[in-house]
Amino acid sequence: MMRRGLTLLRSTRFANFLPLDQHIELHKLTGYTIVFFATMLFVVWYVLLILHGPNFGYWFVLPGLVYILERVLVITKPGSFHFQPGDYVYQSDSLEHVQHQLNINSHMSSVSGTAIL
């Protein structure tokens, strides 16, 4: 019913004076703001969960350590190793004696000399 009512109002002269469609832009702006603050304040969120939830710490330890290791570990390339994005690296698997083909899809940092595979 509301949709039909809004459609009827949009077809009249009152549509020029009533802000019928501004709510769409408001909801988009509000959604972007919520997502921005949710992603920027996730550390504060986890600290509050650890402090207030007695069992949450047990579930947070392993994913938290994986996240920290992912942020800290950086693969550095040897000096003789030259590559371009799109090249392949073969990684040997000692258990099955199989080589896995990995695509180098990240760019080389010219400042720090590091790459992430």
C-alpha atoms as a PDB file:
ATOM      1  CA  MET A   1       0.000   0.000   0.000  1.00  0.00           C
ATOM      2  CA  MET A   2       2.792   2.429   0.867  1.00  0.00           C
ATOM      3  CA  ARG A   3       4.504   1.821  -2.463  1.00  0.00           C
ATOM      4  CA  ARG A   4       1.318   2.541  -4.375  1.00  0.00           C
ATOM      5  CA  GLY A   5       0.710   5.637  -2.293  1.00  0.00           C
ATOM      6  CA  LEU A   6       4.218   6.967  -2.994  1.00  0.00           C
ATOM      7  CA  THR A   7       3.790   6.223  -6.696  1.00  0.00           C
ATOM      8  CA  LEU A   8       0.516   8.140  -6.681  1.00  0.00           C
ATOM      9  CA  LEU A   9       2.113  11.102  -4.870  1.00  0.00           C
ATOM     10  CA  ARG A  10       5.050  11.158  -7.316  1.00  0.00           C
ATOM     11  CA  SER A  11       2.631  11.511 -10.238  1.00  0.00           C
ATOM     12  CA  THR A  12       0.973  14.641  -8.768  1.00  0.00           C
ATOM     13  CA  ARG A  13       2.142  18.247  -8.481  1.00  0.00           C
ATOM     14  CA  PHE A  14       2.932  17.697  -4.800  1.00  0.00           C
ATOM     15  CA  ALA A  15       6.023  15.685  -5.779  1.00  0.00           C
ATOM     16  CA  ASN A  16       7.807  18.983  -6.476  1.00  0.00           C
ATOM     17  CA  PHE A  17       7.269  20.135  -2.882  1.00  0.00           C
ATOM     18  CA  LEU A  18       7.502  16.873  -0.896  1.00  0.00           C
ATOM     19  CA  PRO A  19      10.900  15.225  -0.308  1.00  0.00           C
ATOM     20  CA  LEU A  20       9.746  11.777  -1.410  1.00  0.00           C
ATOM     21  CA  ASP A  21      13.050  10.377  -2.645  1.00  0.00           C
ATOM     22  CA  GLN A  22      15.590  11.959  -0.311  1.00  0.00           C
ATOM     23  CA  HIS A  23      15.319   8.975   2.032  1.00  0.00           C
ATOM     24  CA  ILE A  24      17.197   6.817  -0.494  1.00  0.00           C
ATOM     25  CA  GLU A  25      20.291   9.031  -0.377  1.00  0.00           C
ATOM     26  CA  LEU A  26      20.000   9.281   3.414  1.00  0.00           C
ATOM     27  CA  HIS A  27      19.960   5.481   3.760  1.00  0.00           C
ATOM     28  CA  LYS A  28      22.977   5.129   1.450  1.00  0.00           C
ATOM     29  CA  LEU A  29      24.936   7.713   3.429  1.00  0.00           C
ATOM     30  CA  THR A  30      23.963   6.130   6.741  1.00  0.00           C
ATOM     31  CA  GLY A  31      24.907   2.663   5.473  1.00  0.00           C
ATOM     32  CA  TYR A  32      28.321   3.827   4.280  1.00  0.00           C
ATOM     33  CA  THR A  33      28.945   5.588   7.585  1.00  0.00           C
ATOM     34  CA  ILE A  34      28.054   2.495   9.602  1.00  0.00           C
ATOM     35  CA  VAL A  35      30.277   0.260   7.473  1.00  0.00           C
ATOM     36  CA  PHE A  36      33.157   2.747   7.702  1.00  0.00           C
ATOM     37  CA  PHE A  37      33.018   2.967  11.494  1.00  0.00           C
ATOM     38  CA  ALA A  38      32.511  -0.786  11.836  1.00  0.00           C
ATOM     39  CA  THR A  39      35.679  -1.478   9.877  1.00  0.00           C
ATOM     40  CA  MET A  40      37.718   1.236  11.535  1.00  0.00           C
ATOM     41  CA  LEU A  41      36.719   0.375  15.100  1.00  0.00           C
ATOM     42  CA  PHE A  42      36.940  -3.426  14.964  1.00  0.00           C
ATOM     43  CA  VAL A  43      39.923  -3.502  17.355  1.00  0.00           C
ATOM     44  CA  VAL A  44      37.966  -1.556  19.982  1.00  0.00           C
ATOM     45  CA  TRP A  45      35.012  -3.903  19.419  1.00  0.00           C
ATOM     46  CA  TYR A  46      37.148  -7.008  20.036  1.00  0.00           C
ATOM     47  CA  VAL A  47      38.782  -5.512  23.139  1.00  0.00           C
ATOM     48  CA  LEU A  48      35.349  -4.748  24.599  1.00  0.00           C
ATOM     49  CA  LEU A  49      34.159  -8.266  23.773  1.00  0.00           C
ATOM     50  CA  ILE A  50      37.203  -9.804  25.468  1.00  0.00           C
ATOM     51  CA  LEU A  51      36.686  -7.674  28.576  1.00  0.00           C
ATOM     52  CA  HIS A  52      32.932  -8.226  28.878  1.00  0.00           C
ATOM     53  CA  GLY A  53      32.512 -11.768  27.611  1.00  0.00           C
ATOM     54  CA  PRO A  54      34.305 -14.314  29.819  1.00  0.00           C
ATOM     55  CA  ASN A  55      34.242 -17.104  27.216  1.00  0.00           C
ATOM     56  CA  PHE A  56      34.872 -14.935  24.191  1.00  0.00           C
ATOM     57  CA  GLY A  57      38.614 -14.883  24.830  1.00  0.00           C
ATOM     58  CA  TYR A  58      38.827 -18.625  24.264  1.00  0.00           C
ATOM     59  CA  TRP A  59      37.248 -18.274  20.820  1.00  0.00           C
ATOM     60  CA  PHE A  60      39.270 -15.200  19.927  1.00  0.00           C
ATOM     61  CA  VAL A  61      42.799 -16.475  20.613  1.00  0.00           C
ATOM     62  CA  LEU A  62      43.387 -18.557  17.470  1.00  0.00           C
ATOM     63  CA  PRO A  63      41.776 -16.182  14.913  1.00  0.00           C
ATOM     64  CA  GLY A  64      43.433 -13.235  16.649  1.00  0.00           C
ATOM     65  CA  LEU A  65      46.875 -14.838  16.401  1.00  0.00           C
ATOM     66  CA  VAL A  66      46.312 -15.700  12.740  1.00  0.00           C
ATOM     67  CA  TYR A  67      45.316 -12.083  12.058  1.00  0.00           C
ATOM     68  CA  ILE A  68      48.394 -10.721  13.861  1.00  0.00           C
ATOM     69  CA  LEU A  69      50.712 -13.131  12.040  1.00  0.00           C
ATOM     70  CA  GLU A  70      49.172 -12.175   8.714  1.00  0.00           C
ATOM     71  CA  ARG A  71      49.750  -8.482   9.433  1.00  0.00           C
ATOM     72  CA  VAL A  72      53.313  -8.978  10.700  1.00  0.00           C
ATOM     73  CA  LEU A  73      54.747 -11.550   8.265  1.00  0.00           C
ATOM     74  CA  VAL A  74      56.045 -10.207   4.985  1.00  0.00           C
ATOM     75  CA  ILE A  75      57.856 -12.333   2.414  1.00  0.00           C
ATOM     76  CA  THR A  76      61.064 -10.755   1.169  1.00  0.00           C
ATOM     77  CA  LYS A  77      62.534 -11.785  -2.149  1.00  0.00           C
ATOM     78  CA  PRO A  78      66.135 -12.825  -2.653  1.00  0.00           C
ATOM     79  CA  GLY A  79      68.293 -10.380  -4.608  1.00  0.00           C
ATOM     80  CA  SER A  80      68.637 -12.722  -7.594  1.00  0.00           C
ATOM     81  CA  PHE A  81      64.885 -13.301  -7.894  1.00  0.00           C
ATOM     82  CA  HIS A  82      63.352 -11.127 -10.640  1.00  0.00           C
ATOM     83  CA  PHE A  83      59.693 -11.378 -11.570  1.00  0.00           C
ATOM     84  CA  GLN A  84      56.805  -9.540 -13.140  1.00  0.00           C
ATOM     85  CA  PRO A  85      53.167  -9.697 -12.028  1.00  0.00           C
ATOM     86  CA  GLY A  86      51.573 -12.697 -13.715  1.00  0.00           C
ATOM     87  CA  ASP A  87      54.678 -14.906 -13.502  1.00  0.00           C
ATOM     88  CA  TYR A  88      54.508 -18.261 -11.750  1.00  0.00           C
ATOM     89  CA  VAL A  89      56.407 -19.730  -8.827  1.00  0.00           C
ATOM     90  CA  TYR A  90      56.523 -23.464  -8.188  1.00  0.00           C
ATOM     91  CA  GLN A  91      56.263 -24.643  -4.595  1.00  0.00           C
ATOM     92  CA  SER A  92      57.307 -28.218  -3.870  1.00  0.00           C
ATOM     93  CA  ASP A  93      55.182 -30.397  -1.635  1.00  0.00           C
ATOM     94  CA  SER A  94      57.472 -32.820   0.178  1.00  0.00           C
ATOM     95  CA  LEU A  95      54.685 -35.190   1.260  1.00  0.00           C
ATOM     96  CA  GLU A  96      53.198 -35.923  -2.151  1.00  0.00           C
ATOM     97  CA  HIS A  97      56.212 -34.934  -4.315  1.00  0.00           C
ATOM     98  CA  VAL A  98      54.022 -32.554  -6.286  1.00  0.00           C
ATOM     99  CA  GLN A  99      54.824 -29.013  -7.374  1.00  0.00           C
ATOM    100  CA  HIS A 100      52.089 -26.440  -6.935  1.00  0.00           C
ATOM    101  CA  GLN A 101      51.978 -23.559  -9.385  1.00  0.00           C
ATOM    102  CA  LEU A 102      51.416 -20.193  -7.660  1.00  0.00           C
ATOM    103  CA  ASN A 103      50.664 -17.020  -9.584  1.00  0.00           C
ATOM    104  CA  ILE A 104      52.496 -13.861  -8.509  1.00  0.00           C
ATOM    105  CA  ASN A 105      49.604 -11.435  -8.560  1.00  0.00           C
ATOM    106  CA  SER A 106      50.809  -8.635  -6.328  1.00  0.00           C
ATOM    107  CA  HIS A 107      53.029  -5.739  -7.229  1.00  0.00           C
ATOM    108  CA  MET A 108      56.588  -5.319  -6.110  1.00  0.00           C
ATOM    109  CA  SER A 109      57.175  -2.550  -3.629  1.00  0.00           C
ATOM    110  CA  SER A 110      59.996  -0.447  -5.023  1.00  0.00           C
ATOM    111  CA  VAL A 111      60.617   1.231  -1.677  1.00  0.00           C
ATOM    112  CA  SER A 112      60.837  -1.707   0.710  1.00  0.00           C
ATOM    113  CA  GLY A 113      61.773  -4.489  -1.720  1.00  0.00           C
ATOM    114  CA  THR A 114      59.060  -6.798  -0.357  1.00  0.00           C
ATOM    115  CA  ALA A 115      56.366  -8.777  -2.103  1.00  0.00           C
ATOM    116  CA  ILE A 116      53.353 -10.706  -0.973  1.00  0.00           C
ATOM    117  CA  LEU A 117      52.641 -13.923  -2.854  1.00  0.00           C
END
